[in-house]
Amino acid sequence: MTDTEPHAWIRLWQLISPSLPIGTYAYSQGLETAIEKNWVGNESETQNWIKGILQDSLGMLDAPILIRLYQAWQSNDLNALIKWNQFLLASRESSELYLEDQQMGQALWRLLNDILPISNTEPENNNLPIDTINQYRALVKQIDTPGFAVIFSLAAVVWKIPVQDSVRGFLWSWCENQVAASIKLVPLGQTAGQRILSALIPAINNSVSNALKLSDDEIGTLAPGFSIASAQHEVQYSRLFRS
């Protein structure tokens, strides 16, 4: 980012903050089941699990779709917004993953709609013009079951966060939540968690670069272990994280 976006960095930090009240901390995305089944049991296995899902699932599905949603908001393309939102929701391979996406999308939209200005008398803080924001509000109402990515991309566009930084922040936030869950569940120490996050930085950057190159036909994921773990977590007898 450059000095021409004086608020964009801070808005990105706000958008990916663990304190954002949208419930990301409540989900383990199958990690809790993977740990119960001894698929993941130490620092190295935790890093490999998170990295594998990052590269093979989020990097091949969520990240390229987030880019397309970002571009659709910029061009007011309702058909594209609906298409890619439905594609992403249809790609969730368990009820848990689908409901998580839906619930986080609803929570982020309630929050975003509440903190965005509603009139020209409010300070802009580098937002888009109020007329444009209100056009986006009208578009959201026409999207059936807006998921997390479609609202996240809207926030990034409204706050003028460049697309690559938006995707990078999106992936970092997911990794950070997975590490936070693993610290509780494996358990791991805080320092081990920071070592894992440090090791994931190149994979995050590579996933962003790869997502920018993917064609529409190349978007998709096959991560059976991740899907099975999430589905089994729905009926896991004892669990800390939401299903």
C-alpha atoms as a PDB file:
ATOM      1  CA  MET A   1       0.000   0.000   0.000  1.00  0.00           C
ATOM      2  CA  THR A   2       1.087   3.578  -0.600  1.00  0.00           C
ATOM      3  CA  ASP A   3       0.567   6.912   1.093  1.00  0.00           C
ATOM      4  CA  THR A   4      -2.397   7.483  -1.242  1.00  0.00           C
ATOM      5  CA  GLU A   5      -4.423   5.083   0.951  1.00  0.00           C
ATOM      6  CA  PRO A   6      -3.814   6.644   4.402  1.00  0.00           C
ATOM      7  CA  HIS A   7      -6.490   4.596   6.153  1.00  0.00           C
ATOM      8  CA  ALA A   8      -6.364   1.379   4.135  1.00  0.00           C
ATOM      9  CA  TRP A   9      -3.733  -0.396   6.233  1.00  0.00           C
ATOM     10  CA  ILE A  10      -5.554   0.334   9.465  1.00  0.00           C
ATOM     11  CA  ARG A  11      -8.889  -0.706   7.972  1.00  0.00           C
ATOM     12  CA  LEU A  12      -7.334  -4.005   6.908  1.00  0.00           C
ATOM     13  CA  TRP A  13      -6.070  -4.582  10.439  1.00  0.00           C
ATOM     14  CA  GLN A  14      -9.570  -3.850  11.717  1.00  0.00           C
ATOM     15  CA  LEU A  15     -11.115  -6.246   9.213  1.00  0.00           C
ATOM     16  CA  ILE A  16      -8.857  -9.170  10.131  1.00  0.00           C
ATOM     17  CA  SER A  17      -8.604  -8.465  13.854  1.00  0.00           C
ATOM     18  CA  PRO A  18      -9.422 -11.390  16.196  1.00  0.00           C
ATOM     19  CA  SER A  19     -11.502  -8.886  18.183  1.00  0.00           C
ATOM     20  CA  LEU A  20     -13.882  -8.330  15.256  1.00  0.00           C
ATOM     21  CA  PRO A  21     -17.229  -9.614  16.639  1.00  0.00           C
ATOM     22  CA  ILE A  22     -18.133 -12.064  13.878  1.00  0.00           C
ATOM     23  CA  GLY A  23     -17.401 -15.377  15.613  1.00  0.00           C
ATOM     24  CA  THR A  24     -14.294 -16.560  13.777  1.00  0.00           C
ATOM     25  CA  TYR A  25     -12.753 -17.687  17.079  1.00  0.00           C
ATOM     26  CA  ALA A  26     -15.670 -20.089  17.630  1.00  0.00           C
ATOM     27  CA  TYR A  27     -14.788 -22.486  14.789  1.00  0.00           C
ATOM     28  CA  SER A  28     -11.975 -25.014  14.372  1.00  0.00           C
ATOM     29  CA  GLN A  29     -12.879 -26.136  10.812  1.00  0.00           C
ATOM     30  CA  GLY A  30     -12.339 -29.809  11.563  1.00  0.00           C
ATOM     31  CA  LEU A  31      -9.068 -29.294  13.424  1.00  0.00           C
ATOM     32  CA  GLU A  32     -10.649 -30.404  16.692  1.00  0.00           C
ATOM     33  CA  THR A  33     -11.608 -33.755  15.153  1.00  0.00           C
ATOM     34  CA  ALA A  34      -8.198 -34.149  13.502  1.00  0.00           C
ATOM     35  CA  ILE A  35      -6.594 -33.762  16.915  1.00  0.00           C
ATOM     36  CA  GLU A  36      -9.016 -36.183  18.594  1.00  0.00           C
ATOM     37  CA  LYS A  37      -8.221 -38.806  15.941  1.00  0.00           C
ATOM     38  CA  ASN A  38      -4.472 -38.256  16.394  1.00  0.00           C
ATOM     39  CA  TRP A  39      -4.032 -37.001  12.825  1.00  0.00           C
ATOM     40  CA  VAL A  40      -2.539 -33.883  14.394  1.00  0.00           C
ATOM     41  CA  GLY A  41      -0.661 -34.089  17.666  1.00  0.00           C
ATOM     42  CA  ASN A  42       2.386 -31.834  17.710  1.00  0.00           C
ATOM     43  CA  GLU A  43       3.795 -28.611  16.292  1.00  0.00           C
ATOM     44  CA  SER A  44       5.034 -30.111  13.041  1.00  0.00           C
ATOM     45  CA  GLU A  45       1.797 -31.945  12.297  1.00  0.00           C
ATOM     46  CA  THR A  46      -0.216 -28.833  13.133  1.00  0.00           C
ATOM     47  CA  GLN A  47       1.843 -26.750  10.722  1.00  0.00           C
ATOM     48  CA  ASN A  48       1.461 -29.335   7.962  1.00  0.00           C
ATOM     49  CA  TRP A  49      -2.310 -29.583   8.500  1.00  0.00           C
ATOM     50  CA  ILE A  50      -2.853 -25.836   8.351  1.00  0.00           C
ATOM     51  CA  LYS A  51      -0.479 -25.372   5.430  1.00  0.00           C
ATOM     52  CA  GLY A  52      -2.126 -28.152   3.445  1.00  0.00           C
ATOM     53  CA  ILE A  53      -5.621 -26.664   3.815  1.00  0.00           C
ATOM     54  CA  LEU A  54      -4.282 -23.177   3.102  1.00  0.00           C
ATOM     55  CA  GLN A  55      -2.683 -24.268  -0.169  1.00  0.00           C
ATOM     56  CA  ASP A  56      -5.143 -26.881  -1.416  1.00  0.00           C
ATOM     57  CA  SER A  57      -8.441 -25.442  -0.200  1.00  0.00           C
ATOM     58  CA  LEU A  58      -8.369 -21.712   0.553  1.00  0.00           C
ATOM     59  CA  GLY A  59      -5.675 -20.971  -2.009  1.00  0.00           C
ATOM     60  CA  MET A  60      -7.524 -22.808  -4.787  1.00  0.00           C
ATOM     61  CA  LEU A  61     -11.092 -21.815  -3.861  1.00  0.00           C
ATOM     62  CA  ASP A  62     -11.647 -18.948  -1.425  1.00  0.00           C
ATOM     63  CA  ALA A  63      -8.760 -16.747  -2.566  1.00  0.00           C
ATOM     64  CA  PRO A  64      -9.499 -16.684  -6.327  1.00  0.00           C
ATOM     65  CA  ILE A  65     -13.216 -16.239  -5.656  1.00  0.00           C
ATOM     66  CA  LEU A  66     -12.480 -13.376  -3.261  1.00  0.00           C
ATOM     67  CA  ILE A  67     -10.606 -11.668  -6.098  1.00  0.00           C
ATOM     68  CA  ARG A  68     -13.586 -12.089  -8.432  1.00  0.00           C
ATOM     69  CA  LEU A  69     -16.003 -10.809  -5.822  1.00  0.00           C
ATOM     70  CA  TYR A  70     -13.795  -7.767  -5.252  1.00  0.00           C
ATOM     71  CA  GLN A  71     -13.824  -7.031  -8.976  1.00  0.00           C
ATOM     72  CA  ALA A  72     -17.587  -7.592  -9.157  1.00  0.00           C
ATOM     73  CA  TRP A  73     -18.190  -4.992  -6.451  1.00  0.00           C
ATOM     74  CA  GLN A  74     -16.009  -2.527  -8.320  1.00  0.00           C
ATOM     75  CA  SER A  75     -18.084  -2.967 -11.477  1.00  0.00           C
ATOM     76  CA  ASN A  76     -21.487  -3.275  -9.719  1.00  0.00           C
ATOM     77  CA  ASP A  77     -21.904  -6.692 -11.351  1.00  0.00           C
ATOM     78  CA  LEU A  78     -24.754  -8.278  -9.409  1.00  0.00           C
ATOM     79  CA  ASN A  79     -24.783 -11.423 -11.566  1.00  0.00           C
ATOM     80  CA  ALA A  80     -21.113 -12.074 -10.810  1.00  0.00           C
ATOM     81  CA  LEU A  81     -21.651 -11.444  -7.091  1.00  0.00           C
ATOM     82  CA  ILE A  82     -24.498 -13.949  -7.014  1.00  0.00           C
ATOM     83  CA  LYS A  83     -22.623 -16.479  -9.133  1.00  0.00           C
ATOM     84  CA  TRP A  84     -19.422 -16.561  -7.098  1.00  0.00           C
ATOM     85  CA  ASN A  85     -21.195 -16.361  -3.745  1.00  0.00           C
ATOM     86  CA  GLN A  86     -23.318 -19.383  -4.696  1.00  0.00           C
ATOM     87  CA  PHE A  87     -20.285 -21.213  -6.094  1.00  0.00           C
ATOM     88  CA  LEU A  88     -18.393 -20.794  -2.853  1.00  0.00           C
ATOM     89  CA  LEU A  89     -21.307 -21.831  -0.648  1.00  0.00           C
ATOM     90  CA  ALA A  90     -21.997 -24.866  -2.872  1.00  0.00           C
ATOM     91  CA  SER A  91     -18.343 -25.887  -2.484  1.00  0.00           C
ATOM     92  CA  ARG A  92     -18.653 -26.301   1.283  1.00  0.00           C
ATOM     93  CA  GLU A  93     -18.561 -30.063   1.799  1.00  0.00           C
ATOM     94  CA  SER A  94     -20.150 -30.250   5.239  1.00  0.00           C
ATOM     95  CA  SER A  95     -23.109 -28.609   6.924  1.00  0.00           C
ATOM     96  CA  GLU A  96     -20.702 -27.183   9.488  1.00  0.00           C
ATOM     97  CA  LEU A  97     -18.590 -25.384   6.878  1.00  0.00           C
ATOM     98  CA  TYR A  98     -21.665 -24.113   5.046  1.00  0.00           C
ATOM     99  CA  LEU A  99     -23.308 -22.739   8.188  1.00  0.00           C
ATOM    100  CA  GLU A 100     -20.041 -21.189   9.370  1.00  0.00           C
ATOM    101  CA  ASP A 101     -19.689 -19.323   6.073  1.00  0.00           C
ATOM    102  CA  GLN A 102     -23.302 -18.181   6.197  1.00  0.00           C
ATOM    103  CA  GLN A 103     -23.254 -17.116   9.852  1.00  0.00           C
ATOM    104  CA  MET A 104     -19.982 -15.226   9.561  1.00  0.00           C
ATOM    105  CA  GLY A 105     -21.250 -13.474   6.445  1.00  0.00           C
ATOM    106  CA  GLN A 106     -24.382 -12.363   8.279  1.00  0.00           C
ATOM    107  CA  ALA A 107     -22.386 -11.202  11.299  1.00  0.00           C
ATOM    108  CA  LEU A 108     -19.908  -9.226   9.202  1.00  0.00           C
ATOM    109  CA  TRP A 109     -22.699  -7.608   7.195  1.00  0.00           C
ATOM    110  CA  ARG A 110     -24.543  -6.514  10.348  1.00  0.00           C
ATOM    111  CA  LEU A 111     -21.334  -5.012  11.675  1.00  0.00           C
ATOM    112  CA  LEU A 112     -20.285  -3.391   8.404  1.00  0.00           C
ATOM    113  CA  ASN A 113     -23.730  -1.972   7.743  1.00  0.00           C
ATOM    114  CA  ASP A 114     -23.749  -0.497  11.225  1.00  0.00           C
ATOM    115  CA  ILE A 115     -20.351   1.217  11.086  1.00  0.00           C
ATOM    116  CA  LEU A 116     -20.507   2.530   7.513  1.00  0.00           C
ATOM    117  CA  PRO A 117     -21.792   6.096   7.135  1.00  0.00           C
ATOM    118  CA  ILE A 118     -25.421   6.603   6.142  1.00  0.00           C
ATOM    119  CA  SER A 119     -25.263  10.262   5.190  1.00  0.00           C
ATOM    120  CA  ASN A 120     -22.848  12.839   3.769  1.00  0.00           C
ATOM    121  CA  THR A 121     -22.715  14.570   7.152  1.00  0.00           C
ATOM    122  CA  GLU A 122     -20.634  11.758   8.643  1.00  0.00           C
ATOM    123  CA  PRO A 123     -16.836  11.711   8.328  1.00  0.00           C
ATOM    124  CA  GLU A 124     -15.639   9.693   5.338  1.00  0.00           C
ATOM    125  CA  ASN A 125     -12.443   8.222   6.825  1.00  0.00           C
ATOM    126  CA  ASN A 126     -11.365   7.423   3.266  1.00  0.00           C
ATOM    127  CA  ASN A 127     -14.567   5.504   2.492  1.00  0.00           C
ATOM    128  CA  LEU A 128     -16.098   5.529  -0.948  1.00  0.00           C
ATOM    129  CA  PRO A 129     -18.772   8.213  -1.543  1.00  0.00           C
ATOM    130  CA  ILE A 130     -21.974   7.660   0.405  1.00  0.00           C
ATOM    131  CA  ASP A 131     -24.025   7.216  -2.793  1.00  0.00           C
ATOM    132  CA  THR A 132     -21.765   4.325  -3.820  1.00  0.00           C
ATOM    133  CA  ILE A 133     -21.998   2.753  -0.364  1.00  0.00           C
ATOM    134  CA  ASN A 134     -25.781   2.933  -0.498  1.00  0.00           C
ATOM    135  CA  GLN A 135     -25.732   1.299  -3.950  1.00  0.00           C
ATOM    136  CA  TYR A 136     -23.753  -1.552  -2.398  1.00  0.00           C
ATOM    137  CA  ARG A 137     -26.282  -1.820   0.424  1.00  0.00           C
ATOM    138  CA  ALA A 138     -28.995  -2.279  -2.190  1.00  0.00           C
ATOM    139  CA  LEU A 139     -26.958  -4.960  -3.980  1.00  0.00           C
ATOM    140  CA  VAL A 140     -26.426  -6.960  -0.784  1.00  0.00           C
ATOM    141  CA  LYS A 141     -30.201  -7.167  -0.343  1.00  0.00           C
ATOM    142  CA  GLN A 142     -30.426  -8.914  -3.711  1.00  0.00           C
ATOM    143  CA  ILE A 143     -27.900 -11.636  -2.818  1.00  0.00           C
ATOM    144  CA  ASP A 144     -29.503 -14.730  -1.337  1.00  0.00           C
ATOM    145  CA  THR A 145     -27.513 -15.919   1.697  1.00  0.00           C
ATOM    146  CA  PRO A 146     -24.415 -13.727   1.352  1.00  0.00           C
ATOM    147  CA  GLY A 147     -21.398 -15.637   2.627  1.00  0.00           C
ATOM    148  CA  PHE A 148     -18.332 -14.354   4.413  1.00  0.00           C
ATOM    149  CA  ALA A 149     -16.184 -13.750   1.330  1.00  0.00           C
ATOM    150  CA  VAL A 150     -18.744 -11.594  -0.484  1.00  0.00           C
ATOM    151  CA  ILE A 151     -19.083  -9.279   2.526  1.00  0.00           C
ATOM    152  CA  PHE A 152     -15.335  -9.313   3.275  1.00  0.00           C
ATOM    153  CA  SER A 153     -14.630  -8.262  -0.311  1.00  0.00           C
ATOM    154  CA  LEU A 154     -17.248  -5.507  -0.032  1.00  0.00           C
ATOM    155  CA  ALA A 155     -15.532  -4.113   3.069  1.00  0.00           C
ATOM    156  CA  ALA A 156     -12.197  -4.181   1.243  1.00  0.00           C
ATOM    157  CA  VAL A 157     -13.627  -2.273  -1.724  1.00  0.00           C
ATOM    158  CA  VAL A 158     -15.418   0.313   0.434  1.00  0.00           C
ATOM    159  CA  TRP A 159     -12.300   0.905   2.506  1.00  0.00           C
ATOM    160  CA  LYS A 160     -10.063   1.018  -0.590  1.00  0.00           C
ATOM    161  CA  ILE A 161      -7.865  -1.881   0.503  1.00  0.00           C
ATOM    162  CA  PRO A 162      -5.987  -3.160  -2.581  1.00  0.00           C
ATOM    163  CA  VAL A 163      -7.131  -6.577  -3.741  1.00  0.00           C
ATOM    164  CA  GLN A 164      -3.839  -8.395  -3.146  1.00  0.00           C
ATOM    165  CA  ASP A 165      -3.576  -7.064   0.388  1.00  0.00           C
ATOM    166  CA  SER A 166      -7.220  -8.013   0.986  1.00  0.00           C
ATOM    167  CA  VAL A 167      -6.580 -11.614  -0.032  1.00  0.00           C
ATOM    168  CA  ARG A 168      -3.349 -11.741   1.946  1.00  0.00           C
ATOM    169  CA  GLY A 169      -5.149 -10.465   5.036  1.00  0.00           C
ATOM    170  CA  PHE A 170      -8.023 -12.914   4.497  1.00  0.00           C
ATOM    171  CA  LEU A 171      -5.608 -15.870   4.420  1.00  0.00           C
ATOM    172  CA  TRP A 172      -3.557 -14.580   7.350  1.00  0.00           C
ATOM    173  CA  SER A 173      -6.693 -14.223   9.461  1.00  0.00           C
ATOM    174  CA  TRP A 174      -7.714 -17.813   8.711  1.00  0.00           C
ATOM    175  CA  CYS A 175      -4.236 -19.116   9.603  1.00  0.00           C
ATOM    176  CA  GLU A 176      -4.168 -17.093  12.816  1.00  0.00           C
ATOM    177  CA  ASN A 177      -7.524 -18.525  13.908  1.00  0.00           C
ATOM    178  CA  GLN A 178      -6.357 -22.059  13.171  1.00  0.00           C
ATOM    179  CA  VAL A 179      -3.180 -21.522  15.171  1.00  0.00           C
ATOM    180  CA  ALA A 180      -5.176 -20.060  18.070  1.00  0.00           C
ATOM    181  CA  ALA A 181      -7.396 -23.157  18.030  1.00  0.00           C
ATOM    182  CA  SER A 182      -4.405 -25.496  17.932  1.00  0.00           C
ATOM    183  CA  ILE A 183      -2.791 -23.769  20.924  1.00  0.00           C
ATOM    184  CA  LYS A 184      -5.872 -24.709  22.951  1.00  0.00           C
ATOM    185  CA  LEU A 185      -6.459 -28.152  21.495  1.00  0.00           C
ATOM    186  CA  VAL A 186      -3.110 -29.892  20.868  1.00  0.00           C
ATOM    187  CA  PRO A 187      -2.087 -28.110  23.159  1.00  0.00           C
ATOM    188  CA  LEU A 188       0.794 -25.946  21.999  1.00  0.00           C
ATOM    189  CA  GLY A 189       2.651 -23.092  23.623  1.00  0.00           C
ATOM    190  CA  GLN A 190       2.300 -19.508  22.436  1.00  0.00           C
ATOM    191  CA  THR A 191       5.848 -19.515  21.073  1.00  0.00           C
ATOM    192  CA  ALA A 192       5.132 -22.658  19.051  1.00  0.00           C
ATOM    193  CA  GLY A 193       2.101 -20.902  17.617  1.00  0.00           C
ATOM    194  CA  GLN A 194       4.247 -17.984  16.493  1.00  0.00           C
ATOM    195  CA  ARG A 195       6.753 -20.362  14.903  1.00  0.00           C
ATOM    196  CA  ILE A 196       3.907 -21.928  12.905  1.00  0.00           C
ATOM    197  CA  LEU A 197       2.605 -18.541  11.781  1.00  0.00           C
ATOM    198  CA  SER A 198       6.100 -17.465  10.759  1.00  0.00           C
ATOM    199  CA  ALA A 199       6.525 -20.645   8.729  1.00  0.00           C
ATOM    200  CA  LEU A 200       3.170 -20.062   6.980  1.00  0.00           C
ATOM    201  CA  ILE A 201       4.037 -16.589   5.654  1.00  0.00           C
ATOM    202  CA  PRO A 202       5.684 -17.841   2.417  1.00  0.00           C
ATOM    203  CA  ALA A 203       2.731 -20.179   1.806  1.00  0.00           C
ATOM    204  CA  ILE A 204       0.304 -17.273   2.240  1.00  0.00           C
ATOM    205  CA  ASN A 205       2.185 -15.144  -0.270  1.00  0.00           C
ATOM    206  CA  ASN A 206       2.454 -18.047  -2.719  1.00  0.00           C
ATOM    207  CA  SER A 207      -1.286 -18.710  -2.407  1.00  0.00           C
ATOM    208  CA  VAL A 208      -2.057 -15.057  -3.203  1.00  0.00           C
ATOM    209  CA  SER A 209       0.204 -15.109  -6.259  1.00  0.00           C
ATOM    210  CA  ASN A 210      -1.308 -18.365  -7.468  1.00  0.00           C
ATOM    211  CA  ALA A 211      -4.881 -17.156  -6.921  1.00  0.00           C
ATOM    212  CA  LEU A 212      -4.251 -14.147  -9.140  1.00  0.00           C
ATOM    213  CA  LYS A 213      -3.261 -16.466 -12.010  1.00  0.00           C
ATOM    214  CA  LEU A 214      -6.086 -19.014 -11.848  1.00  0.00           C
ATOM    215  CA  SER A 215      -8.711 -19.076 -14.583  1.00  0.00           C
ATOM    216  CA  ASP A 216     -12.374 -19.635 -13.737  1.00  0.00           C
ATOM    217  CA  ASP A 217     -12.142 -23.275 -14.811  1.00  0.00           C
ATOM    218  CA  GLU A 218      -9.199 -23.903 -12.478  1.00  0.00           C
ATOM    219  CA  ILE A 219     -11.059 -22.821  -9.342  1.00  0.00           C
ATOM    220  CA  GLY A 220     -11.965 -25.696  -7.037  1.00  0.00           C
ATOM    221  CA  THR A 221     -10.619 -27.881  -4.293  1.00  0.00           C
ATOM    222  CA  LEU A 222     -10.266 -31.486  -3.233  1.00  0.00           C
ATOM    223  CA  ALA A 223      -9.311 -31.863   0.420  1.00  0.00           C
ATOM    224  CA  PRO A 224     -11.023 -35.061   1.618  1.00  0.00           C
ATOM    225  CA  GLY A 225      -9.332 -35.219   5.013  1.00  0.00           C
ATOM    226  CA  PHE A 226     -10.420 -31.659   5.776  1.00  0.00           C
ATOM    227  CA  SER A 227     -13.994 -32.387   4.649  1.00  0.00           C
ATOM    228  CA  ILE A 228     -14.224 -35.644   6.619  1.00  0.00           C
ATOM    229  CA  ALA A 229     -12.873 -34.002   9.770  1.00  0.00           C
ATOM    230  CA  SER A 230     -15.417 -31.191   9.515  1.00  0.00           C
ATOM    231  CA  ALA A 231     -18.320 -33.585   8.907  1.00  0.00           C
ATOM    232  CA  GLN A 232     -17.309 -35.760  11.846  1.00  0.00           C
ATOM    233  CA  HIS A 233     -16.934 -32.733  14.070  1.00  0.00           C
ATOM    234  CA  GLU A 234     -20.664 -32.130  13.640  1.00  0.00           C
ATOM    235  CA  VAL A 235     -21.349 -35.215  15.765  1.00  0.00           C
ATOM    236  CA  GLN A 236     -18.216 -35.290  17.916  1.00  0.00           C
ATOM    237  CA  TYR A 237     -19.302 -36.098  21.474  1.00  0.00           C
ATOM    238  CA  SER A 238     -17.030 -33.698  23.319  1.00  0.00           C
ATOM    239  CA  ARG A 239     -15.904 -30.480  21.648  1.00  0.00           C
ATOM    240  CA  LEU A 240     -14.848 -26.945  22.531  1.00  0.00           C
ATOM    241  CA  PHE A 241     -15.556 -25.383  19.152  1.00  0.00           C
ATOM    242  CA  ARG A 242     -18.855 -24.631  17.490  1.00  0.00           C
ATOM    243  CA  SER A 243     -20.553 -26.995  15.067  1.00  0.00           C
END
